[in-house]
């Protein structure tokens, strides 16, 4: 069968593509160190998510981690759950963190999160540095374009 042959060819020649097609991203969340949600995207609905829709236990856990953001040396960067992988990345200079929840965490996703954070930091450096005064989360809506740029392989048609 041609499709099986093609699948085997992809697995051998470009195994990273197979990892993309067999993995799912559920949520991508950006938090300020104060615990304020800056941006959240749900990959299943392909929409930005309001903070009120996020689960309370997730918010409590993230707020605890963010409260200790300055001690990044000892921070967890991945959590493996029964049916989910969670990737954390921190930017201590600008005081924010990114959290990605996927079916499996892997190097491809870690790299995409790190690239997103580089782009997000560059685009929002001034806004992030001025967050101690007034927090206007609408200034971070540009994150949507960065999600599309860095996670396009996971944004397949439903």
N, C-alpha and C. Protein backbone atom coordinates (compact mmCIF):
# COMPACT_ATOMS: atom_id res chain seq x y z
N UNK A 1 0.84 -1.18 0.00
CA UNK A 1 0.00 0.00 0.00
C UNK A 1 0.89 1.25 0.00
N UNK A 2 0.56 2.22 -0.83
CA UNK A 2 1.36 3.43 -1.01
C UNK A 2 1.43 4.26 0.27
N UNK A 3 0.30 4.40 0.97
CA UNK A 3 0.29 5.24 2.17
C UNK A 3 1.16 4.66 3.29
N UNK A 4 1.20 3.36 3.42
CA UNK A 4 2.06 2.73 4.44
C UNK A 4 3.52 2.93 4.06
N UNK A 5 3.84 2.78 2.78
CA UNK A 5 5.20 3.02 2.31
C UNK A 5 5.64 4.45 2.56
N UNK A 6 4.74 5.39 2.31
CA UNK A 6 5.04 6.80 2.54
C UNK A 6 5.27 7.07 4.02
N UNK A 7 4.44 6.48 4.88
CA UNK A 7 4.59 6.64 6.32
C UNK A 7 5.93 6.10 6.80
N UNK A 8 6.31 4.94 6.32
CA UNK A 8 7.61 4.36 6.69
C UNK A 8 8.74 5.25 6.20
N UNK A 9 8.61 5.78 4.99
CA UNK A 9 9.63 6.68 4.45
C UNK A 9 9.78 7.92 5.35
N UNK A 10 8.67 8.49 5.77
CA UNK A 10 8.71 9.68 6.64
C UNK A 10 9.35 9.34 7.98
N UNK A 11 8.98 8.21 8.55
CA UNK A 11 9.54 7.81 9.85
C UNK A 11 11.05 7.65 9.75
N UNK A 12 11.53 7.09 8.66
CA UNK A 12 12.97 6.86 8.49
C UNK A 12 13.70 8.16 8.14
N UNK A 13 13.20 8.90 7.18
CA UNK A 13 13.89 10.09 6.68
C UNK A 13 13.71 11.32 7.57
N UNK A 14 12.56 11.47 8.17
CA UNK A 14 12.28 12.66 8.97
C UNK A 14 11.46 12.26 10.19
N UNK A 15 12.10 11.61 11.17
CA UNK A 15 11.36 11.13 12.34
C UNK A 15 10.70 12.25 13.14
N UNK A 16 11.24 13.46 13.07
CA UNK A 16 10.64 14.57 13.81
C UNK A 16 9.23 14.86 13.29
N UNK A 17 8.98 14.67 12.00
CA UNK A 17 7.64 14.88 11.44
C UNK A 17 6.65 13.89 12.03
N UNK A 18 7.10 12.66 12.22
CA UNK A 18 6.23 11.64 12.82
C UNK A 18 5.86 12.05 14.25
N UNK A 19 6.83 12.59 15.00
CA UNK A 19 6.56 13.04 16.36
C UNK A 19 5.53 14.16 16.38
N UNK A 20 5.59 15.04 15.40
CA UNK A 20 4.62 16.13 15.32
C UNK A 20 3.23 15.58 15.05
N UNK A 21 3.11 14.64 14.09
CA UNK A 21 1.79 14.13 13.71
C UNK A 21 1.16 13.24 14.77
N UNK A 22 1.96 12.62 15.62
CA UNK A 22 1.41 11.72 16.63
C UNK A 22 1.25 12.39 17.99
N UNK A 23 1.62 13.65 18.08
CA UNK A 23 1.51 14.37 19.35
C UNK A 23 0.38 15.38 19.26
N UNK A 24 -0.10 15.82 20.40
CA UNK A 24 -1.14 16.84 20.47
C UNK A 24 -0.71 17.87 21.50
N UNK A 25 -0.94 19.13 21.18
CA UNK A 25 -0.77 20.18 22.18
C UNK A 25 -2.17 20.55 22.63
N UNK A 26 -2.34 20.70 23.94
CA UNK A 26 -3.64 21.07 24.49
C UNK A 26 -3.71 22.56 24.80
N UNK A 27 -2.77 23.05 25.60
CA UNK A 27 -2.81 24.46 26.03
C UNK A 27 -1.42 25.06 26.05
N UNK A 28 -1.37 26.37 25.80
CA UNK A 28 -0.14 27.14 25.90
C UNK A 28 -0.48 28.39 26.68
N UNK A 29 0.23 28.63 27.78
CA UNK A 29 -0.14 29.69 28.72
C UNK A 29 1.09 30.53 29.04
N UNK A 30 0.92 31.86 29.05
CA UNK A 30 1.98 32.79 29.43
C UNK A 30 1.52 33.54 30.69
N UNK A 31 2.36 33.50 31.74
CA UNK A 31 2.05 34.16 33.00
C UNK A 31 3.13 35.16 33.38
N UNK A 32 2.70 36.27 33.96
CA UNK A 32 3.64 37.21 34.59
C UNK A 32 4.00 36.66 35.96
N UNK A 33 5.16 37.05 36.50
CA UNK A 33 5.59 36.53 37.80
C UNK A 33 4.63 36.89 38.93
N UNK A 34 3.79 37.90 38.73
CA UNK A 34 2.79 38.27 39.74
C UNK A 34 1.61 37.29 39.75
N UNK A 35 1.57 36.39 38.76
CA UNK A 35 0.48 35.43 38.66
C UNK A 35 -0.58 35.83 37.66
N UNK A 36 -0.45 37.01 37.08
CA UNK A 36 -1.42 37.49 36.09
C UNK A 36 -1.24 36.72 34.78
N UNK A 37 -2.36 36.25 34.24
CA UNK A 37 -2.35 35.57 32.95
C UNK A 37 -2.16 36.61 31.85
N UNK A 38 -1.10 36.48 31.07
CA UNK A 38 -0.84 37.40 29.97
C UNK A 38 -1.47 36.91 28.67
N UNK A 39 -1.48 35.59 28.48
CA UNK A 39 -2.00 35.02 27.24
C UNK A 39 -2.22 33.53 27.42
N UNK A 40 -3.28 33.02 26.82
CA UNK A 40 -3.55 31.59 26.86
C UNK A 40 -4.19 31.17 25.55
N UNK A 41 -3.73 30.03 25.03
CA UNK A 41 -4.25 29.51 23.76
C UNK A 41 -4.58 28.04 23.91
N UNK A 42 -5.78 27.66 23.47
CA UNK A 42 -6.19 26.26 23.50
C UNK A 42 -6.08 25.70 22.08
N UNK A 43 -5.25 24.67 21.91
CA UNK A 43 -5.01 24.11 20.58
C UNK A 43 -6.17 23.25 20.10
N UNK A 44 -7.01 22.77 21.00
CA UNK A 44 -8.15 21.96 20.58
C UNK A 44 -9.23 22.84 19.95
N UNK A 45 -9.54 23.96 20.60
CA UNK A 45 -10.55 24.87 20.06
C UNK A 45 -9.94 25.89 19.09
N UNK A 46 -8.59 25.97 19.10
CA UNK A 46 -7.84 26.92 18.28
C UNK A 46 -8.25 28.35 18.58
N UNK A 47 -8.41 28.64 19.88
CA UNK A 47 -8.82 29.97 20.31
C UNK A 47 -8.03 30.40 21.53
N UNK A 48 -7.97 31.73 21.70
CA UNK A 48 -7.43 32.27 22.94
C UNK A 48 -8.43 31.95 24.04
N UNK A 49 -7.91 31.74 25.25
CA UNK A 49 -8.76 31.32 26.36
C UNK A 49 -8.75 32.39 27.44
N UNK A 50 -9.93 32.68 27.97
CA UNK A 50 -10.07 33.62 29.07
C UNK A 50 -9.57 32.96 30.35
N UNK A 51 -8.96 33.76 31.22
CA UNK A 51 -8.41 33.24 32.48
C UNK A 51 -9.46 32.49 33.30
N UNK A 52 -10.70 32.96 33.27
CA UNK A 52 -11.74 32.34 34.08
C UNK A 52 -12.02 30.90 33.66
N UNK A 53 -11.60 30.53 32.46
CA UNK A 53 -11.84 29.17 31.99
C UNK A 53 -10.73 28.20 32.38
N UNK A 54 -9.59 28.74 32.85
CA UNK A 54 -8.50 27.87 33.27
C UNK A 54 -8.83 27.22 34.60
N UNK A 55 -8.37 26.00 34.77
CA UNK A 55 -8.67 25.26 35.99
C UNK A 55 -7.96 25.89 37.18
N UNK A 56 -8.67 25.99 38.30
CA UNK A 56 -8.12 26.59 39.51
C UNK A 56 -6.86 25.93 40.00
N UNK A 57 -6.79 24.61 39.95
CA UNK A 57 -5.60 23.92 40.47
C UNK A 57 -4.37 24.23 39.63
N UNK A 58 -4.57 24.40 38.32
CA UNK A 58 -3.45 24.79 37.46
C UNK A 58 -2.97 26.18 37.85
N UNK A 59 -3.91 27.10 38.06
CA UNK A 59 -3.54 28.47 38.43
C UNK A 59 -2.79 28.52 39.75
N UNK A 60 -3.25 27.75 40.73
CA UNK A 60 -2.60 27.73 42.04
C UNK A 60 -1.17 27.21 41.90
N UNK A 61 -0.99 26.13 41.17
CA UNK A 61 0.34 25.56 40.98
C UNK A 61 1.27 26.51 40.25
N UNK A 62 0.77 27.15 39.21
CA UNK A 62 1.58 28.09 38.45
C UNK A 62 1.94 29.29 39.30
N UNK A 63 0.98 29.81 40.05
CA UNK A 63 1.27 30.95 40.91
C UNK A 63 2.34 30.62 41.94
N UNK A 64 2.32 29.40 42.46
CA UNK A 64 3.35 28.99 43.42
C UNK A 64 4.72 28.96 42.75
N UNK A 65 4.79 28.41 41.56
CA UNK A 65 6.06 28.37 40.83
C UNK A 65 6.53 29.78 40.51
N UNK A 66 5.61 30.63 40.07
CA UNK A 66 5.99 32.00 39.70
C UNK A 66 6.43 32.81 40.91
N UNK A 67 5.88 32.52 42.07
CA UNK A 67 6.29 33.23 43.28
C UNK A 67 7.76 33.00 43.57
N UNK A 68 8.28 31.88 43.12
CA UNK A 68 9.69 31.53 43.35
C UNK A 68 10.50 31.64 42.06
N UNK A 69 10.05 32.46 41.14
CA UNK A 69 10.67 32.56 39.83
C UNK A 69 12.14 32.95 39.90
N UNK A 70 12.53 33.71 40.90
CA UNK A 70 13.92 34.16 40.99
C UNK A 70 14.88 33.01 41.25
N UNK A 71 14.38 31.92 41.84
CA UNK A 71 15.22 30.77 42.16
C UNK A 71 15.14 29.75 41.03
N UNK A 72 15.44 30.20 39.81
CA UNK A 72 15.23 29.38 38.62
C UNK A 72 16.15 28.15 38.56
N UNK A 73 17.27 28.20 39.25
CA UNK A 73 18.20 27.06 39.23
C UNK A 73 17.53 25.78 39.72
N UNK A 74 16.64 25.92 40.68
CA UNK A 74 16.02 24.74 41.29
C UNK A 74 14.60 24.50 40.79
N UNK A 75 14.20 25.16 39.72
CA UNK A 75 12.83 25.03 39.24
C UNK A 75 12.65 23.80 38.36
N UNK A 76 11.47 23.26 38.42
CA UNK A 76 11.06 22.16 37.55
C UNK A 76 10.84 22.75 36.15
N UNK A 77 11.34 22.08 35.12
CA UNK A 77 11.09 22.55 33.75
C UNK A 77 10.17 21.60 32.99
N UNK A 78 9.94 20.40 33.54
CA UNK A 78 9.01 19.45 32.93
C UNK A 78 8.31 18.66 34.02
N UNK A 79 7.06 18.35 33.75
CA UNK A 79 6.29 17.46 34.63
C UNK A 79 5.67 16.40 33.73
N UNK A 80 5.84 15.15 34.08
CA UNK A 80 5.22 14.06 33.31
C UNK A 80 4.05 13.54 34.11
N UNK A 81 2.88 13.61 33.53
CA UNK A 81 1.69 13.07 34.15
C UNK A 81 1.29 11.82 33.38
N UNK A 82 0.26 11.13 33.86
CA UNK A 82 -0.15 9.88 33.23
C UNK A 82 -0.42 10.04 31.73
N UNK A 83 -1.17 11.06 31.37
CA UNK A 83 -1.53 11.22 29.96
C UNK A 83 -1.20 12.60 29.40
N UNK A 84 -0.29 13.31 30.07
CA UNK A 84 0.10 14.65 29.63
C UNK A 84 1.57 14.90 29.95
N UNK A 85 2.18 15.74 29.16
CA UNK A 85 3.51 16.26 29.46
C UNK A 85 3.40 17.77 29.58
N UNK A 86 4.05 18.34 30.57
CA UNK A 86 3.99 19.78 30.80
C UNK A 86 5.41 20.34 30.69
N UNK A 87 5.57 21.35 29.87
CA UNK A 87 6.87 22.01 29.69
C UNK A 87 6.78 23.41 30.27
N UNK A 88 7.70 23.76 31.19
CA UNK A 88 7.80 25.11 31.75
C UNK A 88 9.06 25.76 31.22
N UNK A 89 8.97 27.03 30.90
CA UNK A 89 10.16 27.81 30.60
C UNK A 89 9.99 29.17 31.28
N UNK A 90 11.10 29.71 31.79
CA UNK A 90 11.08 30.94 32.55
C UNK A 90 11.97 31.99 31.91
N UNK A 91 11.57 33.24 32.01
CA UNK A 91 12.44 34.36 31.66
C UNK A 91 12.51 35.22 32.90
N UNK A 92 13.58 35.06 33.67
CA UNK A 92 13.70 35.79 34.94
C UNK A 92 13.98 37.27 34.72
N UNK A 93 14.62 37.63 33.62
CA UNK A 93 14.90 39.04 33.36
C UNK A 93 13.63 39.84 33.14
N UNK A 94 12.70 39.28 32.39
CA UNK A 94 11.45 39.98 32.09
C UNK A 94 10.30 39.53 32.99
N UNK A 95 10.53 38.53 33.82
CA UNK A 95 9.55 38.14 34.84
C UNK A 95 8.31 37.45 34.32
N UNK A 96 8.47 36.51 33.41
CA UNK A 96 7.31 35.76 32.96
C UNK A 96 7.69 34.31 32.70
N UNK A 97 6.67 33.48 32.58
CA UNK A 97 6.88 32.05 32.34
C UNK A 97 5.90 31.56 31.28
N UNK A 98 6.32 30.51 30.57
CA UNK A 98 5.46 29.86 29.58
C UNK A 98 5.22 28.42 30.03
N UNK A 99 4.02 27.96 29.84
CA UNK A 99 3.64 26.60 30.20
C UNK A 99 2.94 25.98 29.00
N UNK A 100 3.40 24.83 28.58
CA UNK A 100 2.78 24.13 27.46
C UNK A 100 2.34 22.75 27.94
N UNK A 101 1.09 22.41 27.67
CA UNK A 101 0.55 21.10 28.05
C UNK A 101 0.31 20.33 26.76
N UNK A 102 0.94 19.15 26.65
CA UNK A 102 0.84 18.34 25.44
C UNK A 102 0.62 16.88 25.81
N UNK A 103 0.31 16.08 24.81
CA UNK A 103 0.18 14.64 25.03
C UNK A 103 1.52 14.07 25.49
N UNK A 104 2.60 14.48 24.81
CA UNK A 104 3.96 14.07 25.18
C UNK A 104 4.87 15.28 25.06
N UNK A 105 5.75 15.48 26.03
CA UNK A 105 6.76 16.52 25.85
C UNK A 105 7.94 15.90 25.12
N UNK A 106 8.57 16.69 24.26
CA UNK A 106 9.74 16.21 23.52
C UNK A 106 10.61 17.40 23.12
N UNK A 107 11.75 17.12 22.53
CA UNK A 107 12.71 18.17 22.15
C UNK A 107 12.13 19.14 21.13
N UNK A 108 11.28 18.66 20.25
CA UNK A 108 10.67 19.53 19.24
C UNK A 108 9.80 20.58 19.92
N UNK A 109 8.98 20.15 20.87
CA UNK A 109 8.13 21.10 21.59
C UNK A 109 8.96 22.03 22.46
N UNK A 110 9.97 21.49 23.13
CA UNK A 110 10.83 22.33 23.97
C UNK A 110 11.47 23.43 23.13
N UNK A 111 11.95 23.07 21.96
CA UNK A 111 12.57 24.03 21.05
C UNK A 111 11.56 25.08 20.59
N UNK A 112 10.34 24.66 20.28
CA UNK A 112 9.29 25.59 19.84
C UNK A 112 8.94 26.57 20.95
N UNK A 113 8.86 26.08 22.19
CA UNK A 113 8.56 26.96 23.34
C UNK A 113 9.70 27.97 23.52
N UNK A 114 10.93 27.50 23.44
CA UNK A 114 12.07 28.41 23.60
C UNK A 114 12.11 29.47 22.50
N UNK A 115 11.82 29.07 21.26
CA UNK A 115 11.78 30.03 20.15
C UNK A 115 10.64 31.02 20.34
N UNK A 116 9.48 30.53 20.78
CA UNK A 116 8.36 31.42 21.06
C UNK A 116 8.77 32.46 22.10
N UNK A 117 9.43 32.00 23.17
CA UNK A 117 9.82 32.92 24.24
C UNK A 117 10.83 33.96 23.75
N UNK A 118 11.73 33.58 22.88
CA UNK A 118 12.66 34.56 22.31
C UNK A 118 11.89 35.63 21.53
N UNK A 119 10.97 35.18 20.69
CA UNK A 119 10.15 36.11 19.89
C UNK A 119 9.27 36.98 20.78
N UNK A 120 8.63 36.36 21.78
CA UNK A 120 7.74 37.07 22.69
C UNK A 120 8.52 38.12 23.49
N UNK A 121 9.70 37.75 23.96
CA UNK A 121 10.54 38.68 24.73
C UNK A 121 10.94 39.87 23.87
N UNK A 122 11.33 39.59 22.63
CA UNK A 122 11.75 40.67 21.74
C UNK A 122 10.58 41.60 21.42
N UNK A 123 9.41 41.04 21.15
CA UNK A 123 8.23 41.84 20.79
C UNK A 123 7.65 42.61 21.96
N UNK A 124 7.81 42.09 23.16
CA UNK A 124 7.11 42.65 24.33
C UNK A 124 8.03 43.13 25.44
N UNK A 125 9.30 43.30 25.14
CA UNK A 125 10.26 43.65 26.19
C UNK A 125 9.83 44.89 26.98
N UNK A 126 9.47 45.94 26.28
CA UNK A 126 9.09 47.19 26.96
C UNK A 126 7.82 46.99 27.81
N UNK A 127 6.82 46.33 27.25
CA UNK A 127 5.58 46.08 28.00
C UNK A 127 5.84 45.24 29.24
N UNK A 128 6.69 44.22 29.12
CA UNK A 128 6.99 43.35 30.26
C UNK A 128 7.77 44.09 31.34
N UNK A 129 8.66 44.97 30.95
CA UNK A 129 9.43 45.73 31.93
C UNK A 129 8.58 46.74 32.67
N UNK A 130 7.50 47.21 32.06
CA UNK A 130 6.63 48.22 32.67
C UNK A 130 5.41 47.62 33.37
N UNK A 131 5.39 46.31 33.55
CA UNK A 131 4.20 45.67 34.13
C UNK A 131 4.01 45.94 35.61
N UNK A 132 4.97 46.49 36.28
CA UNK A 132 4.81 46.74 37.71
C UNK A 132 3.80 47.85 37.96
N UNK A 133 3.57 48.69 36.97
CA UNK A 133 2.65 49.81 37.15
C UNK A 133 1.21 49.38 36.86
N UNK A 134 0.89 49.29 35.60
CA UNK A 134 -0.47 48.93 35.19
C UNK A 134 -0.38 47.72 34.28
N UNK A 135 -1.18 46.71 34.56
CA UNK A 135 -1.14 45.50 33.74
C UNK A 135 -2.32 45.52 32.77
N UNK A 136 -2.00 45.75 31.51
CA UNK A 136 -2.99 45.73 30.43
C UNK A 136 -2.67 44.53 29.55
N UNK A 137 -3.37 43.42 29.80
CA UNK A 137 -3.04 42.18 29.10
C UNK A 137 -3.37 42.24 27.60
N UNK A 138 -4.17 43.21 27.18
CA UNK A 138 -4.48 43.33 25.75
C UNK A 138 -3.23 43.63 24.93
N UNK A 139 -2.19 44.15 25.57
CA UNK A 139 -0.94 44.44 24.86
C UNK A 139 -0.21 43.17 24.44
N UNK A 140 -0.64 42.02 24.95
CA UNK A 140 0.05 40.76 24.65
C UNK A 140 -0.72 39.91 23.63
N UNK A 141 -1.71 40.50 22.98
CA UNK A 141 -2.48 39.78 21.96
C UNK A 141 -1.61 39.40 20.76
N UNK A 142 -0.45 40.08 20.61
CA UNK A 142 0.46 39.73 19.52
C UNK A 142 1.01 38.31 19.69
N UNK A 143 0.83 37.73 20.86
CA UNK A 143 1.28 36.36 21.10
C UNK A 143 0.59 35.38 20.16
N UNK A 144 -0.62 35.71 19.72
CA UNK A 144 -1.35 34.81 18.82
C UNK A 144 -0.57 34.57 17.53
N UNK A 145 0.01 35.63 16.96
CA UNK A 145 0.81 35.48 15.74
C UNK A 145 2.04 34.63 16.01
N UNK A 146 2.61 34.75 17.20
CA UNK A 146 3.80 33.98 17.55
C UNK A 146 3.47 32.50 17.76
N UNK A 147 2.27 32.22 18.27
CA UNK A 147 1.83 30.83 18.41
C UNK A 147 1.71 30.21 17.01
N UNK A 148 1.08 30.94 16.11
CA UNK A 148 0.92 30.43 14.74
C UNK A 148 2.29 30.21 14.09
N UNK A 149 3.21 31.15 14.30
CA UNK A 149 4.55 31.04 13.72
C UNK A 149 5.32 29.84 14.27
N UNK A 150 5.30 29.66 15.58
CA UNK A 150 6.16 28.65 16.22
C UNK A 150 5.52 27.28 16.38
N UNK A 151 4.20 27.19 16.28
CA UNK A 151 3.52 25.91 16.47
C UNK A 151 2.63 25.55 15.28
N UNK A 152 2.97 26.05 14.10
CA UNK A 152 2.12 25.86 12.92
C UNK A 152 1.89 24.38 12.60
N UNK A 153 2.86 23.51 12.87
CA UNK A 153 2.70 22.08 12.57
C UNK A 153 1.60 21.44 13.42
N UNK A 154 1.28 22.07 14.55
CA UNK A 154 0.26 21.52 15.45
C UNK A 154 -1.10 22.17 15.22
N UNK A 155 -1.18 23.09 14.29
CA UNK A 155 -2.43 23.79 14.01
C UNK A 155 -3.07 23.25 12.74
N UNK A 156 -3.19 21.94 12.66
CA UNK A 156 -3.80 21.31 11.49
C UNK A 156 -5.31 21.50 11.54
N UNK A 157 -5.93 21.36 10.41
CA UNK A 157 -7.38 21.51 10.35
C UNK A 157 -8.05 20.42 11.17
N UNK A 158 -9.11 20.81 11.86
CA UNK A 158 -9.84 19.87 12.72
C UNK A 158 -10.67 18.92 11.90
